[in-house]
Amino acid sequence: MSETSAEDVVATAAVAAAGWRRAGVAGAAIGVIAAGAAAGVAVERLTVGRGMRKKARLALDASGPYGSLRGQPGRAVADDGTELYYEVDEIEPDGGTSRAATRAGARAGSGPRRRRLFGSKDPAPLTVVFSHGYCLGQDSWHFQRAALRGLVRTVHWDQRSHGRSERGRAQAEGVAVGIDQLGRDLKAVIDAAAPEGPLVLVGHSMGGMTMMALADRYPELIRDRVAAVAFVGTSSGKLGEVNFGLPVAGVNAVRRVLPGVLKALGSQAELVERGRRATADLFAGLIKRYSFGSRDVDPAVARFAERLIESTPIDVVAEFYPAFTEHDKSGALPAFRDLPVLILAGDKDLVTPSSHSEAIADELPDAELVIVPDAGHLVMLEHPETVTDRLADLLVRIGAVPAQGR
């Protein structure tokens, strides 16, 4: 089996950096980051050939059931005709564990009958709706989904152009995607998958922003049907000020021209995708840096995160990026003030820093604010027990699941 030398790694990094330099000053800054990531895998490449690394990735893919949980499929239709894919995990009539959950190895408690909600004689069941983040998919909630199966009805959906959902039809016609559109998409999913009954909304990163857009456009839905909300690693605005852990000069250059760079890359999607595959190790380093805060992340979980992010086409990455600098939904937060609210973030999140969660908590003073130590942006994968426990506490607090079942 052929081996790869450190010189080969440096050469690969140099080629990557040179390509970015053609895009301008920000390209040079990104090239430096890429070169650093390549240096981080140089030692591995001295002793491990490309074929062996590929086998290792396949082994990691097979080592855990991450992303394997499936539910009853459905499709909602957005206001521009885009089909949005969702799955429902139902609860057994007797409150026990469903057969699907048993097959997945998830355990559910067999406590007393669930408390009736909202005083209805025969109410529709409470539904927990999970919204995922940028460049991810519904499977990013794998651990929380496994823990809640059989205890409560849940809906997991893929945002437009992500996962199994259709590519945004409006975007195919040149219409820019915005967070407001995602809020309307969430309303379409709720109308299709949970048209009646109380709701708990859970959103990570872009998913939390989607919930804010929903509240901004449909405040009556929040008032009449939402029983609780959980914001995980998200922001209500000012994302244009995030430095992503870069020095001031570098981040200023990146902010100035990165949208144009991404747009140019999106126009050469096929070529860029081949480049992403060819430099998988380099991008794995970048993904790990911006996804996790601790060094001892389970390699299979880190690989799972890579697969989720790698599955998002570069033109979709480019399409969504401008929406975040324009995002400002601080004015929508008061809609959640009278509800039980959980706000959770990792203390080492470089994408949506914990200060943004603290800003949300300032607007919602009665909310529970949890800053998880040694955690990055994908806190629900990095510290799944902490996130699941806090969600379970929220559900117990509103009577959605019995304390024994929790």
Protein backbone atom coordinates (compact mmCIF):
# COMPACT_ATOMS: atom_id res chain seq x y z
CA MET A 1 0.00 0.00 0.00
CA SER A 2 1.45 3.40 -0.93
CA GLU A 3 2.07 5.93 1.79
CA THR A 4 1.75 9.72 1.69
CA SER A 5 4.63 11.92 2.86
CA ALA A 6 4.44 15.13 4.86
CA GLU A 7 5.66 16.95 1.74
CA ASP A 8 2.58 15.70 -0.12
CA VAL A 9 0.38 17.14 2.61
CA VAL A 10 2.11 20.51 2.46
CA ALA A 11 1.82 20.49 -1.32
CA THR A 12 -1.90 19.74 -1.09
CA ALA A 13 -2.35 22.59 1.38
CA ALA A 14 -0.37 24.93 -0.87
CA VAL A 15 -2.60 24.09 -3.82
CA ALA A 16 -5.69 24.70 -1.70
CA ALA A 17 -4.33 28.01 -0.43
CA ALA A 18 -3.35 29.09 -3.94
CA GLY A 19 -6.85 28.38 -5.17
CA TRP A 20 -8.32 30.50 -2.41
CA ARG A 21 -5.85 33.33 -3.10
CA ARG A 22 -7.33 33.69 -6.55
CA ALA A 23 -10.52 34.72 -4.78
CA GLY A 24 -8.82 37.63 -2.98
CA VAL A 25 -7.52 38.59 0.46
CA ALA A 26 -10.08 36.45 2.29
CA GLY A 27 -8.92 33.53 0.22
CA ALA A 28 -5.45 33.91 1.66
CA ALA A 29 -6.87 33.88 5.18
CA ILE A 30 -8.88 30.74 4.46
CA GLY A 31 -5.84 29.23 2.80
CA VAL A 32 -3.86 29.71 6.01
CA ILE A 33 -6.58 27.91 7.96
CA ALA A 34 -6.59 25.10 5.41
CA ALA A 35 -2.82 24.79 5.58
CA GLY A 36 -3.03 24.59 9.37
CA ALA A 37 -5.61 21.84 9.17
CA ALA A 38 -3.42 19.96 6.72
CA ALA A 39 -0.47 20.27 9.07
CA GLY A 40 -2.65 18.75 11.76
CA VAL A 41 -3.05 15.54 9.77
CA ALA A 42 0.51 15.44 8.41
CA VAL A 43 1.79 13.06 11.09
CA GLU A 44 -1.06 10.65 10.41
CA ARG A 45 -0.33 10.74 6.69
CA LEU A 46 3.30 9.81 7.29
CA THR A 47 2.26 6.38 8.48
CA VAL A 48 -1.24 5.79 7.15
CA GLY A 49 -1.95 5.49 3.45
CA ARG A 50 -5.01 6.90 1.75
CA GLY A 51 -6.57 3.47 1.31
CA MET A 52 -6.20 2.69 4.99
CA ARG A 53 -7.74 6.01 5.97
CA LYS A 54 -10.67 5.32 3.68
CA LYS A 55 -11.15 1.92 5.33
CA ALA A 56 -10.97 3.60 8.73
CA ARG A 57 -13.73 6.03 7.75
CA LEU A 58 -15.90 3.17 6.53
CA ALA A 59 -15.28 1.32 9.79
CA LEU A 60 -16.29 4.40 11.78
CA ASP A 61 -19.43 4.73 9.67
CA ALA A 62 -20.36 1.17 10.59
CA SER A 63 -19.33 1.34 14.25
CA GLY A 64 -22.43 3.14 15.49
CA PRO A 65 -26.09 3.43 14.45
CA TYR A 66 -25.82 7.20 14.20
CA GLY A 67 -28.39 8.54 11.80
CA SER A 68 -30.09 5.17 11.38
CA LEU A 69 -33.32 5.95 13.26
CA ARG A 70 -36.31 6.27 10.96
CA GLY A 71 -39.94 7.13 11.55
CA GLN A 72 -43.19 7.39 9.63
CA PRO A 73 -42.34 9.53 6.57
CA GLY A 74 -44.34 12.46 5.33
CA ARG A 75 -44.04 15.50 3.10
CA ALA A 76 -45.20 19.06 3.63
CA VAL A 77 -45.44 21.61 0.85
CA ALA A 78 -43.94 25.06 1.38
CA ASP A 79 -45.53 28.23 0.03
CA ASP A 80 -43.28 28.12 -3.06
CA GLY A 81 -44.13 24.48 -3.77
CA THR A 82 -40.96 23.00 -2.26
CA GLU A 83 -41.56 19.54 -0.75
CA LEU A 84 -40.24 19.30 2.81
CA TYR A 85 -39.49 15.83 4.16
CA TYR A 86 -40.34 14.94 7.75
CA GLU A 87 -40.65 11.84 9.92
CA VAL A 88 -42.92 11.20 12.89
CA ASP A 89 -42.11 8.97 15.83
CA GLU A 90 -45.43 8.05 17.39
CA ILE A 91 -46.05 6.97 20.95
CA GLU A 92 -47.74 3.63 21.67
CA PRO A 93 -51.39 3.92 22.87
CA ASP A 94 -50.46 2.51 26.28
CA GLY A 95 -47.53 4.89 26.66
CA GLY A 96 -44.97 2.12 26.28
CA THR A 97 -42.03 1.75 23.96
CA SER A 98 -42.79 1.45 20.26
CA ARG A 99 -41.54 -1.51 18.27
CA ALA A 100 -39.36 0.80 16.19
CA ALA A 101 -37.74 2.15 19.33
CA THR A 102 -37.16 -1.36 20.60
CA ARG A 103 -35.37 -2.29 17.39
CA ALA A 104 -33.22 0.82 17.70
CA GLY A 105 -32.28 -0.12 21.25
CA ALA A 106 -33.83 2.99 22.81
CA ARG A 107 -35.47 2.42 26.18
CA ALA A 108 -38.59 4.19 27.38
CA GLY A 109 -40.02 4.22 30.89
CA SER A 110 -43.25 2.42 31.74
CA GLY A 111 -44.48 4.92 34.27
CA PRO A 112 -48.05 6.09 34.87
CA ARG A 113 -50.33 7.38 32.16
CA ARG A 114 -49.24 10.73 30.80
CA ARG A 115 -50.85 13.82 32.28
CA ARG A 116 -53.57 15.36 30.17
CA LEU A 117 -52.61 18.70 28.72
CA PHE A 118 -54.64 21.88 28.37
CA GLY A 119 -57.66 20.34 30.12
CA SER A 120 -59.12 18.71 27.01
CA LYS A 121 -61.24 15.60 27.48
CA ASP A 122 -59.55 13.76 24.62
CA PRO A 123 -56.68 15.99 23.52
CA ALA A 124 -54.45 15.57 20.54
CA PRO A 125 -51.04 14.43 21.76
CA LEU A 126 -48.29 16.88 22.44
CA THR A 127 -45.70 16.91 19.65
CA VAL A 128 -42.06 17.87 19.97
CA VAL A 129 -40.82 19.40 16.69
CA PHE A 130 -37.05 19.32 16.13
CA SER A 131 -35.46 21.80 13.67
CA HIS A 132 -31.84 21.25 12.64
CA GLY A 133 -29.03 23.65 11.78
CA TYR A 134 -27.14 24.85 8.71
CA CYS A 135 -25.46 22.10 6.65
CA LEU A 136 -26.96 19.39 8.85
CA GLY A 137 -30.17 17.34 8.75
CA GLN A 138 -32.77 15.80 11.00
CA ASP A 139 -30.34 13.01 11.95
CA SER A 140 -28.23 15.52 13.91
CA TRP A 141 -30.76 14.91 16.74
CA HIS A 142 -29.92 11.19 16.79
CA PHE A 143 -29.25 10.85 20.53
CA GLN A 144 -32.23 12.92 21.65
CA ARG A 145 -34.49 11.07 19.22
CA ALA A 146 -33.38 7.70 20.55
CA ALA A 147 -33.95 8.78 24.15
CA LEU A 148 -37.46 10.18 23.57
CA ARG A 149 -38.82 7.37 21.39
CA GLY A 150 -41.88 5.83 22.96
CA LEU A 151 -42.19 8.60 25.54
CA VAL A 152 -43.56 11.45 23.46
CA ARG A 153 -44.62 12.12 19.87
CA THR A 154 -41.82 13.77 17.90
CA VAL A 155 -41.41 15.28 14.44
CA HIS A 156 -38.02 15.56 12.75
CA TRP A 157 -37.76 17.42 9.46
CA ASP A 158 -35.13 18.42 6.91
CA GLN A 159 -34.88 22.11 6.08
CA ARG A 160 -35.28 22.99 2.39
CA SER A 161 -32.31 21.94 0.24
CA HIS A 162 -31.02 19.80 3.14
CA GLY A 163 -31.29 16.07 3.79
CA ARG A 164 -34.24 14.43 2.05
CA SER A 165 -36.14 17.65 1.41
CA GLU A 166 -36.41 19.06 -2.08
CA ARG A 167 -34.06 21.75 -3.31
CA GLY A 168 -35.78 25.09 -2.74
CA ARG A 169 -37.86 25.83 -5.84
CA ALA A 170 -37.72 29.57 -5.30
CA GLN A 171 -33.93 29.37 -5.02
CA ALA A 172 -33.77 27.42 -8.28
CA GLU A 173 -35.47 30.44 -9.84
CA GLY A 174 -32.95 32.86 -8.35
CA VAL A 175 -34.82 33.97 -5.22
CA ALA A 176 -32.51 34.40 -2.23
CA VAL A 177 -33.31 32.22 0.75
CA GLY A 178 -33.93 33.97 4.05
CA ILE A 179 -34.71 33.01 7.63
CA ASP A 180 -38.27 34.28 7.13
CA GLN A 181 -38.75 31.63 4.44
CA LEU A 182 -37.57 28.96 6.86
CA GLY A 183 -40.12 30.13 9.42
CA ARG A 184 -42.87 29.68 6.85
CA ASP A 185 -41.44 26.25 6.02
CA LEU A 186 -41.71 25.24 9.67
CA LYS A 187 -45.34 26.36 9.70
CA ALA A 188 -46.01 24.12 6.67
CA VAL A 189 -44.41 21.15 8.48
CA ILE A 190 -46.48 21.79 11.61
CA ASP A 191 -49.68 22.05 9.55
CA ALA A 192 -48.92 18.70 7.89
CA ALA A 193 -47.41 16.69 10.74
CA ALA A 194 -49.04 18.18 13.85
CA PRO A 195 -52.13 20.17 12.84
CA GLU A 196 -53.66 19.85 16.32
CA GLY A 197 -52.50 19.64 19.88
CA PRO A 198 -49.82 21.37 21.94
CA LEU A 199 -46.28 21.77 20.63
CA VAL A 200 -42.77 21.91 21.99
CA LEU A 201 -40.33 23.55 19.59
CA VAL A 202 -36.65 22.57 19.70
CA GLY A 203 -34.12 24.20 17.38
CA HIS A 204 -30.36 24.09 16.92
CA SER A 205 -28.50 27.01 15.33
CA MET A 206 -30.39 27.80 12.10
CA GLY A 207 -33.26 25.73 13.51
CA GLY A 208 -33.56 28.09 16.48
CA MET A 209 -33.57 31.05 14.10
CA THR A 210 -36.32 29.28 12.16
CA MET A 211 -38.39 29.12 15.36
CA MET A 212 -37.89 32.86 15.89
CA ALA A 213 -39.04 33.54 12.33
CA LEU A 214 -42.11 31.38 12.99
CA ALA A 215 -42.94 33.46 16.07
CA ASP A 216 -42.39 36.68 14.14
CA ARG A 217 -44.81 35.66 11.38
CA TYR A 218 -47.31 33.59 13.39
CA PRO A 219 -47.39 34.92 16.98
CA GLU A 220 -50.87 33.49 17.45
CA LEU A 221 -49.52 29.96 16.89
CA ILE A 222 -46.99 30.47 19.67
CA ARG A 223 -49.68 31.90 21.95
CA ASP A 224 -52.32 29.25 21.29
CA ARG A 225 -50.38 26.03 20.83
CA VAL A 226 -46.77 26.15 21.99
CA ALA A 227 -46.20 24.71 25.46
CA ALA A 228 -42.41 25.15 25.68
CA VAL A 229 -39.36 25.91 23.56
CA ALA A 230 -35.67 25.00 23.57
CA PHE A 231 -32.98 27.02 21.80
CA VAL A 232 -29.70 25.13 21.29
CA GLY A 233 -26.56 26.92 20.10
CA THR A 234 -28.46 29.65 18.28
CA SER A 235 -28.64 33.41 17.87
CA SER A 236 -31.22 36.16 17.52
CA GLY A 237 -28.93 38.34 15.43
CA LYS A 238 -25.56 40.13 15.01
CA LEU A 239 -23.94 37.06 13.46
CA GLY A 240 -21.93 39.38 11.24
CA GLU A 241 -19.87 40.22 14.32
CA VAL A 242 -18.78 36.62 15.03
CA ASN A 243 -15.00 36.17 14.57
CA PHE A 244 -15.00 32.35 14.28
CA GLY A 245 -11.85 32.24 16.41
CA LEU A 246 -9.83 34.14 13.79
CA PRO A 247 -7.55 37.17 14.34
CA VAL A 248 -9.13 40.55 13.67
CA ALA A 249 -7.38 41.14 10.33
CA GLY A 250 -8.27 37.70 9.04
CA VAL A 251 -11.92 37.81 10.05
CA ASN A 252 -12.40 41.28 8.54
CA ALA A 253 -11.02 40.05 5.23
CA VAL A 254 -13.20 36.94 5.34
CA ARG A 255 -16.34 38.95 6.08
CA ARG A 256 -15.62 41.28 3.19
CA VAL A 257 -15.34 38.78 0.37
CA LEU A 258 -16.47 35.36 1.62
CA PRO A 259 -20.02 35.74 0.23
CA GLY A 260 -18.57 36.36 -3.23
CA VAL A 261 -16.14 33.48 -2.87
CA LEU A 262 -18.94 31.11 -1.88
CA LYS A 263 -21.09 32.32 -4.76
CA ALA A 264 -18.23 31.65 -7.18
CA LEU A 265 -17.69 28.20 -5.72
CA GLY A 266 -21.41 27.46 -5.90
CA SER A 267 -21.35 28.20 -9.62
CA GLN A 268 -18.69 25.48 -10.03
CA ALA A 269 -20.39 22.94 -7.79
CA GLU A 270 -19.28 19.78 -9.58
CA LEU A 271 -15.63 20.82 -9.61
CA VAL A 272 -15.72 21.90 -5.97
CA GLU A 273 -17.38 18.67 -4.85
CA ARG A 274 -14.57 16.68 -6.46
CA GLY A 275 -12.11 18.86 -4.59
CA ARG A 276 -13.92 18.26 -1.31
CA ARG A 277 -13.66 14.52 -1.80
CA ALA A 278 -9.99 14.73 -2.71
CA THR A 279 -9.16 16.76 0.41
CA ALA A 280 -11.43 14.89 2.83
CA ASP A 281 -8.81 14.76 5.58
CA LEU A 282 -8.19 18.50 5.40
CA PHE A 283 -11.89 19.31 5.64
CA ALA A 284 -12.32 16.78 8.46
CA GLY A 285 -9.93 18.90 10.49
CA LEU A 286 -11.91 22.05 9.77
CA ILE A 287 -15.21 20.36 10.57
CA LYS A 288 -13.89 19.05 13.89
CA ARG A 289 -12.52 22.47 14.87
CA TYR A 290 -15.80 24.24 14.25
CA SER A 291 -18.12 21.48 15.50
CA PHE A 292 -16.62 20.38 18.81
CA GLY A 293 -14.96 21.98 21.81
CA SER A 294 -13.31 18.99 23.46
CA ARG A 295 -10.46 16.81 22.27
CA ASP A 296 -11.86 13.46 23.32
CA VAL A 297 -14.86 13.33 20.97
CA ASP A 298 -15.85 9.79 20.00
CA PRO A 299 -14.25 9.28 16.55
CA ALA A 300 -17.45 7.67 15.28
CA VAL A 301 -19.46 10.73 16.35
CA ALA A 302 -16.92 13.07 14.73
CA ARG A 303 -17.16 11.04 11.53
CA PHE A 304 -20.97 11.17 11.73
CA ALA A 305 -20.79 14.98 11.88
CA GLU A 306 -18.49 14.95 8.84
CA ARG A 307 -20.99 12.88 6.88
CA LEU A 308 -23.84 15.25 7.74
CA ILE A 309 -21.90 18.34 6.69
CA GLU A 310 -20.33 16.74 3.62
CA SER A 311 -23.80 15.80 2.36
CA THR A 312 -24.72 19.48 1.93
CA PRO A 313 -23.83 20.56 -1.64
CA ILE A 314 -21.51 23.56 -1.93
CA ASP A 315 -24.09 25.55 -3.88
CA VAL A 316 -26.54 25.11 -0.98
CA VAL A 317 -23.82 26.23 1.44
CA ALA A 318 -23.33 29.35 -0.68
CA GLU A 319 -27.07 29.90 -1.07
CA PHE A 320 -27.81 30.01 2.66
CA TYR A 321 -24.77 31.88 3.96
CA PRO A 322 -25.95 35.47 3.29
CA ALA A 323 -29.15 34.85 5.28
CA PHE A 324 -27.21 34.70 8.54
CA THR A 325 -25.61 38.13 8.29
CA GLU A 326 -29.09 39.56 7.63
CA HIS A 327 -30.75 37.59 10.44
CA ASP A 328 -32.23 39.72 13.22
CA LYS A 329 -35.14 38.30 15.17
CA SER A 330 -34.57 39.81 18.60
CA GLY A 331 -37.93 41.53 18.17
CA ALA A 332 -39.66 38.14 17.97
CA LEU A 333 -38.34 36.84 21.30
CA PRO A 334 -41.06 38.45 23.49
CA ALA A 335 -43.51 35.96 21.96
CA PHE A 336 -41.81 33.29 24.10
CA ARG A 337 -41.76 35.20 27.40
CA ASP A 338 -44.73 33.46 29.02
CA LEU A 339 -43.49 29.96 28.15
CA PRO A 340 -41.03 27.57 29.77
CA VAL A 341 -37.83 28.17 27.78
CA LEU A 342 -34.53 26.30 27.73
CA ILE A 343 -31.50 28.09 26.26
CA LEU A 344 -28.43 25.88 25.90
CA ALA A 345 -25.02 26.47 24.32
CA GLY A 346 -21.45 25.22 24.38
CA ASP A 347 -18.88 27.46 26.02
CA LYS A 348 -16.43 26.87 23.12
CA ASP A 349 -18.87 27.39 20.27
CA LEU A 350 -17.05 29.31 17.52
CA VAL A 351 -20.06 29.50 15.17
CA THR A 352 -22.78 30.88 17.45
CA PRO A 353 -20.84 31.84 20.60
CA SER A 354 -22.47 31.36 23.99
CA SER A 355 -22.71 35.14 24.32
CA HIS A 356 -25.50 34.98 21.74
CA SER A 357 -27.42 32.55 23.97
CA GLU A 358 -26.85 34.90 26.89
CA ALA A 359 -28.32 37.73 24.79
CA ILE A 360 -31.44 35.63 24.19
CA ALA A 361 -31.64 34.97 27.95
CA ASP A 362 -31.49 38.71 28.59
CA GLU A 363 -34.69 39.06 26.53
CA LEU A 364 -36.26 36.03 28.26
CA PRO A 365 -35.28 36.50 31.93
CA ASP A 366 -37.36 33.56 33.18
CA ALA A 367 -35.68 31.10 30.81
CA GLU A 368 -33.28 28.42 31.98
CA LEU A 369 -29.81 29.21 30.60
CA VAL A 370 -27.33 26.32 30.40
CA ILE A 371 -23.75 26.87 29.22
CA VAL A 372 -22.13 23.46 28.71
CA PRO A 373 -18.41 23.34 29.54
CA ASP A 374 -15.96 21.98 26.98
CA ALA A 375 -18.59 21.97 24.22
CA GLY A 376 -18.65 23.35 20.70
CA HIS A 377 -21.35 24.08 18.15
CA LEU A 378 -22.66 20.50 17.83
CA VAL A 379 -23.27 20.23 21.54
CA MET A 380 -26.17 17.76 21.09
CA LEU A 381 -23.70 15.28 19.53
CA GLU A 382 -20.69 16.13 21.68
CA HIS A 383 -22.49 16.06 25.06
CA PRO A 384 -25.74 14.22 24.25
CA GLU A 385 -26.52 13.26 27.85
CA THR A 386 -26.49 16.88 29.01
CA VAL A 387 -28.72 18.08 26.18
CA THR A 388 -31.12 15.14 26.52
CA ASP A 389 -31.38 15.52 30.30
CA ARG A 390 -32.22 19.20 30.01
CA LEU A 391 -34.82 18.53 27.33
CA ALA A 392 -36.31 15.77 29.46
CA ASP A 393 -36.50 18.12 32.44
CA LEU A 394 -38.35 20.64 30.25
CA LEU A 395 -40.83 17.98 29.12
CA VAL A 396 -41.39 16.77 32.69
CA ARG A 397 -41.94 20.35 33.83
CA ILE A 398 -44.87 20.83 31.43
CA GLY A 399 -46.30 17.35 32.05
CA ALA A 400 -45.45 15.98 28.62
CA VAL A 401 -43.77 12.90 30.08
CA PRO A 402 -43.96 11.42 33.59
CA ALA A 403 -41.00 11.90 35.88
CA GLN A 404 -40.62 8.12 36.18
CA GLY A 405 -40.45 7.78 32.41
CA ARG A 406 -37.79 10.47 32.25
